[in-house]
Amino acid sequence: MTEHIWLATGEATVLAADGQYTDAMPEVMIGNVKGPVGHAFASMAGQVAGHPRMFVIRDLNQQVRPSTMMTTKMTVKSEDYVELLGGVVQAATGDAIVDCIAEGILPKDQLNELCMIIMVWLDPRCATHAELDKKDLYRTNYEATKLAISRAMKGEPTADELIANRKSVQHYALEGVFED
């Protein structure tokens, strides 16, 4: 068996197809059920108004391992939104987790000792978008979840990577703010 994972974090962003509001930006915490992630996981039992929490399942009677709790990073205000979260987004997240196990990204020998919390963001415009492409919503959430888990398990980006790109990578919200 490999070393205990006490707290690993990762995030990723995968952008939507043109004309869609399906960007995915999951943030992941992975850890031993007896450590800080396990305590946070257990404290998430129950609901909070506007922030649904649910086990990640691939389909009926198909809860993923490690046990994973999915919640939102924003306040949910419509049933249509909840339907997308508990449907397409949850399915994509579950499939990504299973594929991470199959590809050795998540250690198969620790699945019952680990738990994960995945915080997802879904653009509010998705729920009312007349031409919502659910296939693209699945794609972005699947790819971003898999990448976030991989980054968590690898400890990426490393301190050296962050230092190396400190001057070349800028937060998108600062574009044009610090012009020379």
N, C-alpha and C. Protein backbone atom coordinates (compact mmCIF):
# COMPACT_ATOMS: atom_id res chain seq x y z
N MET A 1 0.83 -1.18 0.00
CA MET A 1 0.00 0.00 0.00
C MET A 1 0.88 1.25 0.00
N THR A 2 0.41 2.27 -0.67
CA THR A 2 1.15 3.52 -0.75
C THR A 2 0.94 4.38 0.49
N GLU A 3 1.69 5.45 0.60
CA GLU A 3 1.62 6.37 1.73
C GLU A 3 0.24 7.03 1.82
N HIS A 4 -0.17 7.35 3.07
CA HIS A 4 -1.47 8.02 3.27
C HIS A 4 -1.50 9.36 2.55
N ILE A 5 -2.64 9.68 2.02
CA ILE A 5 -2.87 10.99 1.41
C ILE A 5 -3.72 11.76 2.41
N TRP A 6 -3.14 12.78 3.03
CA TRP A 6 -3.88 13.53 4.04
C TRP A 6 -4.66 14.68 3.44
N LEU A 7 -4.06 15.43 2.55
CA LEU A 7 -4.76 16.54 1.91
C LEU A 7 -4.07 16.85 0.59
N ALA A 8 -4.78 16.58 -0.49
CA ALA A 8 -4.29 16.92 -1.82
C ALA A 8 -5.37 17.78 -2.47
N THR A 9 -4.93 18.85 -3.13
CA THR A 9 -5.90 19.74 -3.77
C THR A 9 -5.55 19.93 -5.24
N GLY A 10 -6.55 20.19 -6.02
CA GLY A 10 -6.34 20.44 -7.43
C GLY A 10 -7.51 21.22 -8.01
N GLU A 11 -7.26 21.86 -9.12
CA GLU A 11 -8.31 22.60 -9.83
C GLU A 11 -7.98 22.57 -11.30
N ALA A 12 -8.99 22.85 -12.09
CA ALA A 12 -8.79 22.91 -13.54
C ALA A 12 -9.91 23.73 -14.15
N THR A 13 -9.64 24.28 -15.31
CA THR A 13 -10.67 24.98 -16.08
C THR A 13 -10.63 24.42 -17.50
N VAL A 14 -11.80 24.05 -18.00
CA VAL A 14 -11.95 23.64 -19.39
C VAL A 14 -13.05 24.52 -19.97
N LEU A 15 -12.72 25.18 -21.06
CA LEU A 15 -13.63 26.17 -21.65
C LEU A 15 -14.69 25.54 -22.54
N ALA A 16 -15.81 26.20 -22.62
CA ALA A 16 -16.96 25.77 -23.40
C ALA A 16 -16.72 25.92 -24.90
N ALA A 17 -17.54 25.21 -25.64
CA ALA A 17 -17.58 25.40 -27.09
C ALA A 17 -18.18 26.78 -27.36
N ASP A 18 -17.92 27.32 -28.54
CA ASP A 18 -18.46 28.62 -28.92
C ASP A 18 -19.97 28.66 -28.74
N GLY A 19 -20.47 29.74 -28.15
CA GLY A 19 -21.90 29.93 -27.99
C GLY A 19 -22.52 29.20 -26.81
N GLN A 20 -21.71 28.52 -26.03
CA GLN A 20 -22.21 27.78 -24.88
C GLN A 20 -21.75 28.44 -23.60
N TYR A 21 -22.39 28.11 -22.50
CA TYR A 21 -22.01 28.61 -21.18
C TYR A 21 -21.63 27.42 -20.30
N THR A 22 -20.86 26.52 -20.88
CA THR A 22 -20.59 25.24 -20.24
C THR A 22 -19.17 25.11 -19.68
N ASP A 23 -18.50 26.24 -19.45
CA ASP A 23 -17.17 26.18 -18.84
C ASP A 23 -17.24 25.37 -17.55
N ALA A 24 -16.21 24.58 -17.29
CA ALA A 24 -16.14 23.79 -16.06
C ALA A 24 -14.91 24.21 -15.28
N MET A 25 -15.08 24.38 -13.97
CA MET A 25 -13.99 24.85 -13.11
C MET A 25 -14.04 24.14 -11.75
N PRO A 26 -13.89 22.81 -11.73
CA PRO A 26 -13.97 22.11 -10.44
C PRO A 26 -12.73 22.35 -9.58
N GLU A 27 -12.97 22.34 -8.28
CA GLU A 27 -11.89 22.36 -7.28
C GLU A 27 -12.05 21.10 -6.46
N VAL A 28 -10.95 20.40 -6.23
CA VAL A 28 -10.98 19.07 -5.63
C VAL A 28 -10.12 19.01 -4.38
N MET A 29 -10.65 18.34 -3.36
CA MET A 29 -9.86 18.00 -2.17
C MET A 29 -9.92 16.49 -2.04
N ILE A 30 -8.77 15.87 -1.87
CA ILE A 30 -8.67 14.42 -1.73
C ILE A 30 -7.91 14.13 -0.44
N GLY A 31 -8.39 13.17 0.33
CA GLY A 31 -7.66 12.82 1.54
C GLY A 31 -8.22 11.60 2.24
N ASN A 32 -7.48 11.15 3.24
CA ASN A 32 -7.85 10.00 4.04
C ASN A 32 -9.12 10.33 4.83
N VAL A 33 -9.99 9.34 4.99
CA VAL A 33 -11.23 9.54 5.72
C VAL A 33 -10.99 9.90 7.18
N LYS A 34 -9.81 9.58 7.71
CA LYS A 34 -9.48 9.90 9.11
C LYS A 34 -8.77 11.24 9.25
N GLY A 35 -8.55 11.94 8.16
CA GLY A 35 -7.83 13.22 8.18
C GLY A 35 -8.76 14.40 7.97
N PRO A 36 -8.19 15.55 7.63
CA PRO A 36 -9.00 16.77 7.48
C PRO A 36 -10.05 16.69 6.39
N VAL A 37 -9.77 16.03 5.30
CA VAL A 37 -10.77 15.92 4.23
C VAL A 37 -11.92 15.04 4.69
N GLY A 38 -11.59 13.97 5.41
CA GLY A 38 -12.63 13.10 5.95
C GLY A 38 -13.54 13.82 6.91
N HIS A 39 -12.96 14.66 7.76
CA HIS A 39 -13.77 15.44 8.70
C HIS A 39 -14.66 16.43 7.95
N ALA A 40 -14.11 17.11 6.96
CA ALA A 40 -14.90 18.05 6.16
C ALA A 40 -16.00 17.31 5.41
N PHE A 41 -15.68 16.16 4.86
CA PHE A 41 -16.64 15.33 4.13
C PHE A 41 -17.82 14.98 5.03
N ALA A 42 -17.52 14.48 6.24
CA ALA A 42 -18.58 14.07 7.16
C ALA A 42 -19.44 15.26 7.58
N SER A 43 -18.83 16.42 7.72
CA SER A 43 -19.59 17.60 8.15
C SER A 43 -20.50 18.12 7.05
N MET A 44 -20.33 17.63 5.84
CA MET A 44 -21.18 18.07 4.73
C MET A 44 -22.48 17.30 4.64
N ALA A 45 -22.69 16.31 5.50
CA ALA A 45 -23.95 15.56 5.49
C ALA A 45 -25.08 16.54 5.79
N GLY A 46 -26.12 16.47 5.03
CA GLY A 46 -27.22 17.41 5.18
C GLY A 46 -27.13 18.49 4.13
N GLN A 47 -28.16 19.27 4.03
CA GLN A 47 -28.25 20.28 2.98
C GLN A 47 -28.16 21.70 3.55
N VAL A 48 -27.72 22.59 2.72
CA VAL A 48 -27.68 24.01 3.02
C VAL A 48 -28.44 24.71 1.90
N ALA A 49 -29.35 25.58 2.26
CA ALA A 49 -30.18 26.26 1.26
C ALA A 49 -29.34 26.89 0.16
N GLY A 50 -29.64 26.52 -1.08
CA GLY A 50 -28.96 27.10 -2.22
C GLY A 50 -27.65 26.44 -2.60
N HIS A 51 -27.19 25.49 -1.79
CA HIS A 51 -25.93 24.80 -2.06
C HIS A 51 -26.13 23.29 -1.90
N PRO A 52 -26.72 22.65 -2.91
CA PRO A 52 -26.98 21.22 -2.79
C PRO A 52 -25.69 20.42 -2.64
N ARG A 53 -25.77 19.38 -1.85
CA ARG A 53 -24.64 18.46 -1.66
C ARG A 53 -25.14 17.08 -1.99
N MET A 54 -24.34 16.35 -2.73
CA MET A 54 -24.76 15.01 -3.13
C MET A 54 -23.55 14.11 -3.32
N PHE A 55 -23.76 12.82 -3.02
CA PHE A 55 -22.73 11.85 -3.38
C PHE A 55 -22.64 11.81 -4.89
N VAL A 56 -21.45 11.59 -5.40
CA VAL A 56 -21.30 11.45 -6.84
C VAL A 56 -21.63 10.01 -7.20
N ILE A 57 -22.60 9.89 -8.09
CA ILE A 57 -22.99 8.58 -8.61
C ILE A 57 -22.89 8.64 -10.13
N ARG A 58 -22.62 7.49 -10.71
CA ARG A 58 -22.59 7.43 -12.17
C ARG A 58 -23.98 7.19 -12.73
N ASP A 59 -24.79 6.47 -11.97
CA ASP A 59 -26.18 6.19 -12.31
C ASP A 59 -26.80 5.58 -11.07
N LEU A 60 -28.03 5.22 -11.12
CA LEU A 60 -28.69 4.61 -9.98
C LEU A 60 -27.87 3.43 -9.45
N ASN A 61 -27.65 3.41 -8.17
CA ASN A 61 -26.93 2.33 -7.49
C ASN A 61 -25.47 2.20 -7.93
N GLN A 62 -24.87 3.28 -8.40
CA GLN A 62 -23.49 3.25 -8.87
C GLN A 62 -22.69 4.40 -8.26
N GLN A 63 -22.64 4.44 -6.91
CA GLN A 63 -21.85 5.46 -6.23
C GLN A 63 -20.37 5.20 -6.51
N VAL A 64 -19.64 6.26 -6.80
CA VAL A 64 -18.22 6.10 -7.11
C VAL A 64 -17.41 5.86 -5.84
N ARG A 65 -16.25 5.32 -6.03
CA ARG A 65 -15.23 5.19 -4.99
C ARG A 65 -14.00 5.90 -5.50
N PRO A 66 -13.26 6.63 -4.69
CA PRO A 66 -13.56 6.88 -3.29
C PRO A 66 -14.87 7.66 -3.15
N SER A 67 -15.51 7.52 -1.98
CA SER A 67 -16.73 8.27 -1.73
C SER A 67 -16.45 9.74 -2.02
N THR A 68 -17.32 10.34 -2.81
CA THR A 68 -17.11 11.72 -3.25
C THR A 68 -18.37 12.53 -3.04
N MET A 69 -18.20 13.69 -2.42
CA MET A 69 -19.30 14.63 -2.21
C MET A 69 -19.11 15.77 -3.19
N MET A 70 -20.18 16.10 -3.90
CA MET A 70 -20.17 17.19 -4.87
C MET A 70 -21.04 18.32 -4.32
N THR A 71 -20.57 19.54 -4.42
CA THR A 71 -21.35 20.70 -4.01
C THR A 71 -21.04 21.85 -4.97
N THR A 72 -21.77 22.92 -4.81
CA THR A 72 -21.62 24.06 -5.72
C THR A 72 -20.78 25.16 -5.10
N LYS A 73 -20.14 25.93 -5.96
CA LYS A 73 -19.37 27.11 -5.54
C LYS A 73 -20.22 28.37 -5.62
N MET A 74 -21.48 28.22 -6.00
CA MET A 74 -22.36 29.37 -6.14
C MET A 74 -23.74 28.98 -5.64
N THR A 75 -24.59 29.95 -5.42
CA THR A 75 -25.94 29.69 -4.93
C THR A 75 -26.83 29.24 -6.08
N VAL A 76 -27.49 28.12 -5.87
CA VAL A 76 -28.40 27.55 -6.86
C VAL A 76 -29.78 28.14 -6.63
N LYS A 77 -30.40 28.63 -7.73
CA LYS A 77 -31.67 29.33 -7.58
C LYS A 77 -32.82 28.73 -8.39
N SER A 78 -32.58 27.62 -9.11
CA SER A 78 -33.67 27.05 -9.91
C SER A 78 -33.59 25.52 -9.94
N GLU A 79 -34.75 24.92 -10.15
CA GLU A 79 -34.80 23.46 -10.27
C GLU A 79 -34.10 22.99 -11.54
N ASP A 80 -34.16 23.79 -12.61
CA ASP A 80 -33.48 23.44 -13.85
C ASP A 80 -31.97 23.32 -13.62
N TYR A 81 -31.47 24.22 -12.82
CA TYR A 81 -30.05 24.24 -12.47
C TYR A 81 -29.69 22.99 -11.68
N VAL A 82 -30.52 22.64 -10.70
CA VAL A 82 -30.29 21.44 -9.88
C VAL A 82 -30.33 20.20 -10.76
N GLU A 83 -31.23 20.19 -11.73
CA GLU A 83 -31.34 19.05 -12.64
C GLU A 83 -30.05 18.86 -13.45
N LEU A 84 -29.46 19.96 -13.91
CA LEU A 84 -28.20 19.85 -14.65
C LEU A 84 -27.07 19.35 -13.73
N LEU A 85 -27.03 19.87 -12.50
CA LEU A 85 -25.99 19.45 -11.55
C LEU A 85 -26.12 17.97 -11.21
N GLY A 86 -27.34 17.54 -10.89
CA GLY A 86 -27.55 16.15 -10.49
C GLY A 86 -27.68 15.20 -11.66
N GLY A 87 -27.59 15.73 -12.85
CA GLY A 87 -27.69 14.91 -14.06
C GLY A 87 -26.37 14.88 -14.81
N VAL A 88 -26.26 15.76 -15.80
CA VAL A 88 -25.10 15.77 -16.69
C VAL A 88 -23.79 15.99 -15.93
N VAL A 89 -23.75 16.99 -15.04
CA VAL A 89 -22.51 17.31 -14.33
C VAL A 89 -22.10 16.17 -13.42
N GLN A 90 -23.07 15.61 -12.69
CA GLN A 90 -22.76 14.49 -11.80
C GLN A 90 -22.28 13.26 -12.58
N ALA A 91 -22.91 12.98 -13.70
CA ALA A 91 -22.50 11.84 -14.54
C ALA A 91 -21.08 12.03 -15.07
N ALA A 92 -20.78 13.23 -15.55
CA ALA A 92 -19.44 13.51 -16.07
C ALA A 92 -18.40 13.39 -14.97
N THR A 93 -18.73 13.90 -13.79
CA THR A 93 -17.82 13.83 -12.64
C THR A 93 -17.57 12.38 -12.25
N GLY A 94 -18.63 11.60 -12.17
CA GLY A 94 -18.50 10.18 -11.82
C GLY A 94 -17.68 9.41 -12.83
N ASP A 95 -17.93 9.63 -14.09
CA ASP A 95 -17.16 8.93 -15.13
C ASP A 95 -15.68 9.32 -15.06
N ALA A 96 -15.39 10.59 -14.81
CA ALA A 96 -14.00 11.04 -14.70
C ALA A 96 -13.31 10.35 -13.52
N ILE A 97 -13.99 10.21 -12.40
CA ILE A 97 -13.41 9.55 -11.23
C ILE A 97 -13.09 8.09 -11.54
N VAL A 98 -14.04 7.39 -12.14
CA VAL A 98 -13.81 5.98 -12.47
C VAL A 98 -12.65 5.84 -13.46
N ASP A 99 -12.57 6.73 -14.43
CA ASP A 99 -11.46 6.67 -15.38
C ASP A 99 -10.12 6.99 -14.69
N CYS A 100 -10.13 7.86 -13.68
CA CYS A 100 -8.91 8.13 -12.91
C CYS A 100 -8.44 6.88 -12.17
N ILE A 101 -9.37 6.07 -11.72
CA ILE A 101 -9.01 4.79 -11.07
C ILE A 101 -8.43 3.85 -12.12
N ALA A 102 -9.13 3.71 -13.23
CA ALA A 102 -8.70 2.79 -14.29
C ALA A 102 -7.32 3.14 -14.83
N GLU A 103 -6.99 4.43 -14.87
CA GLU A 103 -5.70 4.88 -15.41
C GLU A 103 -4.61 5.00 -14.35
N GLY A 104 -4.92 4.63 -13.10
CA GLY A 104 -3.92 4.66 -12.04
C GLY A 104 -3.66 6.04 -11.45
N ILE A 105 -4.46 7.02 -11.78
CA ILE A 105 -4.30 8.36 -11.22
C ILE A 105 -4.69 8.35 -9.75
N LEU A 106 -5.78 7.66 -9.43
CA LEU A 106 -6.19 7.43 -8.05
C LEU A 106 -5.76 6.03 -7.65
N PRO A 107 -5.17 5.86 -6.46
CA PRO A 107 -4.67 4.55 -6.05
C PRO A 107 -5.79 3.58 -5.69
N LYS A 108 -5.93 2.55 -6.48
CA LYS A 108 -7.00 1.57 -6.30
C LYS A 108 -6.94 0.91 -4.92
N ASP A 109 -5.74 0.74 -4.37
CA ASP A 109 -5.59 0.08 -3.08
C ASP A 109 -6.02 0.95 -1.90
N GLN A 110 -6.37 2.23 -2.16
CA GLN A 110 -6.78 3.13 -1.07
C GLN A 110 -8.21 3.66 -1.24
N LEU A 111 -8.96 3.14 -2.16
CA LEU A 111 -10.26 3.72 -2.47
C LEU A 111 -11.19 3.80 -1.27
N ASN A 112 -11.15 2.83 -0.39
CA ASN A 112 -12.03 2.85 0.78
C ASN A 112 -11.45 3.65 1.94
N GLU A 113 -10.21 4.09 1.82
CA GLU A 113 -9.58 4.92 2.85
C GLU A 113 -9.62 6.40 2.48
N LEU A 114 -9.96 6.69 1.24
CA LEU A 114 -9.98 8.07 0.75
C LEU A 114 -11.40 8.57 0.60
N CYS A 115 -11.52 9.88 0.59
CA CYS A 115 -12.76 10.53 0.19
C CYS A 115 -12.38 11.80 -0.57
N MET A 116 -13.33 12.30 -1.31
CA MET A 116 -13.09 13.52 -2.08
C MET A 116 -14.27 14.48 -1.93
N ILE A 117 -13.94 15.74 -2.00
CA ILE A 117 -14.95 16.79 -2.09
C ILE A 117 -14.66 17.53 -3.39
N ILE A 118 -15.68 17.65 -4.22
CA ILE A 118 -15.52 18.35 -5.49
C ILE A 118 -16.52 19.50 -5.51
N MET A 119 -15.98 20.70 -5.63
CA MET A 119 -16.80 21.90 -5.72
C MET A 119 -16.90 22.29 -7.19
N VAL A 120 -18.11 22.39 -7.69
CA VAL A 120 -18.31 22.67 -9.11
C VAL A 120 -18.95 24.03 -9.31
N TRP A 121 -18.69 24.59 -10.46
CA TRP A 121 -19.30 25.85 -10.86
C TRP A 121 -20.04 25.60 -12.16
N LEU A 122 -21.24 26.10 -12.23
CA LEU A 122 -22.04 25.99 -13.44
C LEU A 122 -22.61 27.37 -13.73
N ASP A 123 -22.33 27.88 -14.90
CA ASP A 123 -22.80 29.20 -15.28
C ASP A 123 -24.33 29.26 -15.15
N PRO A 124 -24.85 30.26 -14.45
CA PRO A 124 -26.30 30.37 -14.28
C PRO A 124 -27.07 30.40 -15.60
N ARG A 125 -26.44 30.83 -16.67
CA ARG A 125 -27.11 30.90 -17.98
C ARG A 125 -27.38 29.52 -18.57
N CYS A 126 -26.68 28.49 -18.08
CA CYS A 126 -26.87 27.12 -18.60
C CYS A 126 -28.32 26.66 -18.46
N ALA A 127 -28.88 26.89 -17.29
CA ALA A 127 -30.22 26.36 -17.00
C ALA A 127 -31.30 26.92 -17.91
N THR A 128 -31.10 28.11 -18.44
CA THR A 128 -32.13 28.73 -19.27
C THR A 128 -31.71 28.87 -20.74
N HIS A 129 -30.54 28.38 -21.08
CA HIS A 129 -30.03 28.51 -22.45
C HIS A 129 -30.83 27.59 -23.37
N ALA A 130 -31.55 28.17 -24.31
CA ALA A 130 -32.44 27.41 -25.19
C ALA A 130 -31.70 26.38 -26.03
N GLU A 131 -30.45 26.65 -26.35
CA GLU A 131 -29.68 25.73 -27.20
C GLU A 131 -28.53 25.11 -26.43
N LEU A 132 -28.75 24.82 -25.14
CA LEU A 132 -27.72 24.20 -24.32
C LEU A 132 -27.26 22.88 -24.93
N ASP A 133 -25.97 22.74 -25.10
CA ASP A 133 -25.37 21.52 -25.62
C ASP A 133 -24.94 20.67 -24.42
N LYS A 134 -25.79 19.71 -24.04
CA LYS A 134 -25.48 18.87 -22.88
C LYS A 134 -24.24 18.01 -23.11
N LYS A 135 -23.97 17.69 -24.36
CA LYS A 135 -22.76 16.94 -24.67
C LYS A 135 -21.52 17.77 -24.34
N ASP A 136 -21.56 19.07 -24.61
CA ASP A 136 -20.44 19.94 -24.28
C ASP A 136 -20.35 20.14 -22.77
N LEU A 137 -21.48 20.23 -22.09
CA LEU A 137 -21.49 20.34 -20.64
C LEU A 137 -20.84 19.10 -20.01
N TYR A 138 -21.15 17.93 -20.55
CA TYR A 138 -20.51 16.69 -20.09
C TYR A 138 -19.01 16.75 -20.36
N ARG A 139 -18.64 17.11 -21.58
CA ARG A 139 -17.22 17.13 -21.97
C ARG A 139 -16.40 18.03 -21.06
N THR A 140 -16.85 19.25 -20.85
CA THR A 140 -16.06 20.18 -20.06
C THR A 140 -15.92 19.70 -18.62
N ASN A 141 -17.00 19.19 -18.04
CA ASN A 141 -16.93 18.73 -16.65
C ASN A 141 -16.12 17.44 -16.51
N TYR A 142 -16.23 16.55 -17.48
CA TYR A 142 -15.43 15.33 -17.46
C TYR A 142 -13.93 15.68 -17.54
N GLU A 143 -13.56 16.46 -18.54
CA GLU A 143 -12.14 16.80 -18.74
C GLU A 143 -11.58 17.58 -17.56
N ALA A 144 -12.32 18.56 -17.06
CA ALA A 144 -11.83 19.39 -15.96
C ALA A 144 -11.71 18.59 -14.66
N THR A 145 -12.67 17.72 -14.39
CA THR A 145 -12.60 16.91 -13.18
C THR A 145 -11.41 15.97 -13.22
N LYS A 146 -11.22 15.34 -14.33
CA LYS A 146 -10.08 14.42 -14.47
C LYS A 146 -8.76 15.17 -14.32
N LEU A 147 -8.66 16.33 -14.91
CA LEU A 147 -7.44 17.13 -14.81
C LEU A 147 -7.22 17.63 -13.39
N ALA A 148 -8.28 18.07 -12.72
CA ALA A 148 -8.16 18.56 -11.34
C ALA A 148 -7.69 17.43 -10.41
N ILE A 149 -8.24 16.24 -10.58
CA ILE A 149 -7.83 15.09 -9.75
C ILE A 149 -6.37 14.76 -10.03
N SER A 150 -5.99 14.73 -11.29
CA SER A 150 -4.60 14.43 -11.66
C SER A 150 -3.64 15.45 -11.05
N ARG A 151 -4.00 16.72 -11.14
CA ARG A 151 -3.15 17.77 -10.57
C ARG A 151 -3.04 17.62 -9.05
N ALA A 152 -4.14 17.27 -8.40
CA ALA A 152 -4.11 17.07 -6.95
C ALA A 152 -3.16 15.93 -6.59
N MET A 153 -3.24 14.85 -7.31
CA MET A 153 -2.43 13.67 -7.00
C MET A 153 -0.95 13.90 -7.31
N LYS A 154 -0.66 14.78 -8.27
CA LYS A 154 0.73 15.07 -8.64
C LYS A 154 1.29 16.30 -7.93
N GLY A 155 0.44 17.01 -7.18
CA GLY A 155 0.90 18.24 -6.52
C GLY A 155 1.23 19.34 -7.51
N GLU A 156 0.40 19.47 -8.54
CA GLU A 156 0.65 20.46 -9.59
C GLU A 156 -0.29 21.64 -9.47
N PRO A 157 0.14 22.81 -9.82
CA PRO A 157 1.50 23.12 -10.26
C PRO A 157 2.45 23.14 -9.06
N THR A 158 3.69 22.80 -9.33
CA THR A 158 4.71 22.79 -8.29
C THR A 158 5.14 24.23 -7.99
N ALA A 159 5.82 24.41 -6.87
CA ALA A 159 6.34 25.74 -6.52
C ALA A 159 7.27 26.25 -7.61
N ASP A 160 8.12 25.38 -8.16
CA ASP A 160 9.04 25.79 -9.22
C ASP A 160 8.29 26.26 -10.46
N GLU A 161 7.20 25.56 -10.82
CA GLU A 161 6.40 25.98 -11.98
C GLU A 161 5.76 27.35 -11.73
N LEU A 162 5.24 27.55 -10.53
CA LEU A 162 4.61 28.83 -10.20
C LEU A 162 5.61 29.97 -10.26
N ILE A 163 6.80 29.73 -9.73
CA ILE A 163 7.85 30.75 -9.76
C ILE A 163 8.29 31.03 -11.19
N ALA A 164 8.47 29.98 -11.97
CA ALA A 164 8.93 30.13 -13.35
C ALA A 164 7.94 30.92 -14.21
N ASN A 165 6.64 30.76 -13.96
CA ASN A 165 5.68 31.47 -14.81
C ASN A 165 5.06 32.68 -14.13
N ARG A 166 5.63 33.12 -13.02
CA ARG A 166 5.10 34.27 -12.27
C ARG A 166 4.92 35.51 -13.14
N LYS A 167 5.85 35.79 -14.02
CA LYS A 167 5.79 37.00 -14.86
C LYS A 167 5.09 36.76 -16.20
N SER A 168 4.92 35.51 -16.59
CA SER A 168 4.33 35.24 -17.90
C SER A 168 2.85 34.85 -17.84
N VAL A 169 2.37 34.44 -16.67
CA VAL A 169 0.97 34.07 -16.53
C VAL A 169 0.30 35.10 -15.63
N GLN A 170 -0.82 35.62 -16.11
CA GLN A 170 -1.56 36.64 -15.38
C GLN A 170 -3.02 36.22 -15.28
N HIS A 171 -3.66 36.45 -14.16
CA HIS A 171 -5.08 36.14 -13.99
C HIS A 171 -5.86 36.86 -15.08
N TYR A 172 -6.81 36.16 -15.69
CA TYR A 172 -7.55 36.74 -16.81
C TYR A 172 -8.28 38.04 -16.43
N ALA A 173 -8.69 38.18 -15.17
CA ALA A 173 -9.41 39.38 -14.74
C ALA A 173 -8.52 40.62 -14.71
N LEU A 174 -7.21 40.43 -14.79
CA LEU A 174 -6.26 41.55 -14.76
C LEU A 174 -5.83 41.99 -16.15
N GLU A 175 -6.35 41.34 -17.16
CA GLU A 175 -5.96 41.67 -18.54
C GLU A 175 -6.21 43.16 -18.79
N GLY A 176 -5.20 43.85 -19.19
CA GLY A 176 -5.28 45.28 -19.49
C GLY A 176 -5.15 46.18 -18.28
N VAL A 177 -5.13 45.65 -17.07
CA VAL A 177 -5.05 46.46 -15.85
C VAL A 177 -3.65 47.00 -15.66
N PHE A 178 -2.65 46.19 -15.93
CA PHE A 178 -1.25 46.58 -15.69
C PHE A 178 -0.51 46.72 -17.01
N GLU A 179 -0.98 47.62 -17.84
CA GLU A 179 -0.32 47.87 -19.12
C GLU A 179 0.96 48.67 -18.88
N ASP A 180 1.99 48.37 -19.66
CA ASP A 180 3.26 49.12 -19.57
C ASP A 180 3.16 50.47 -20.21
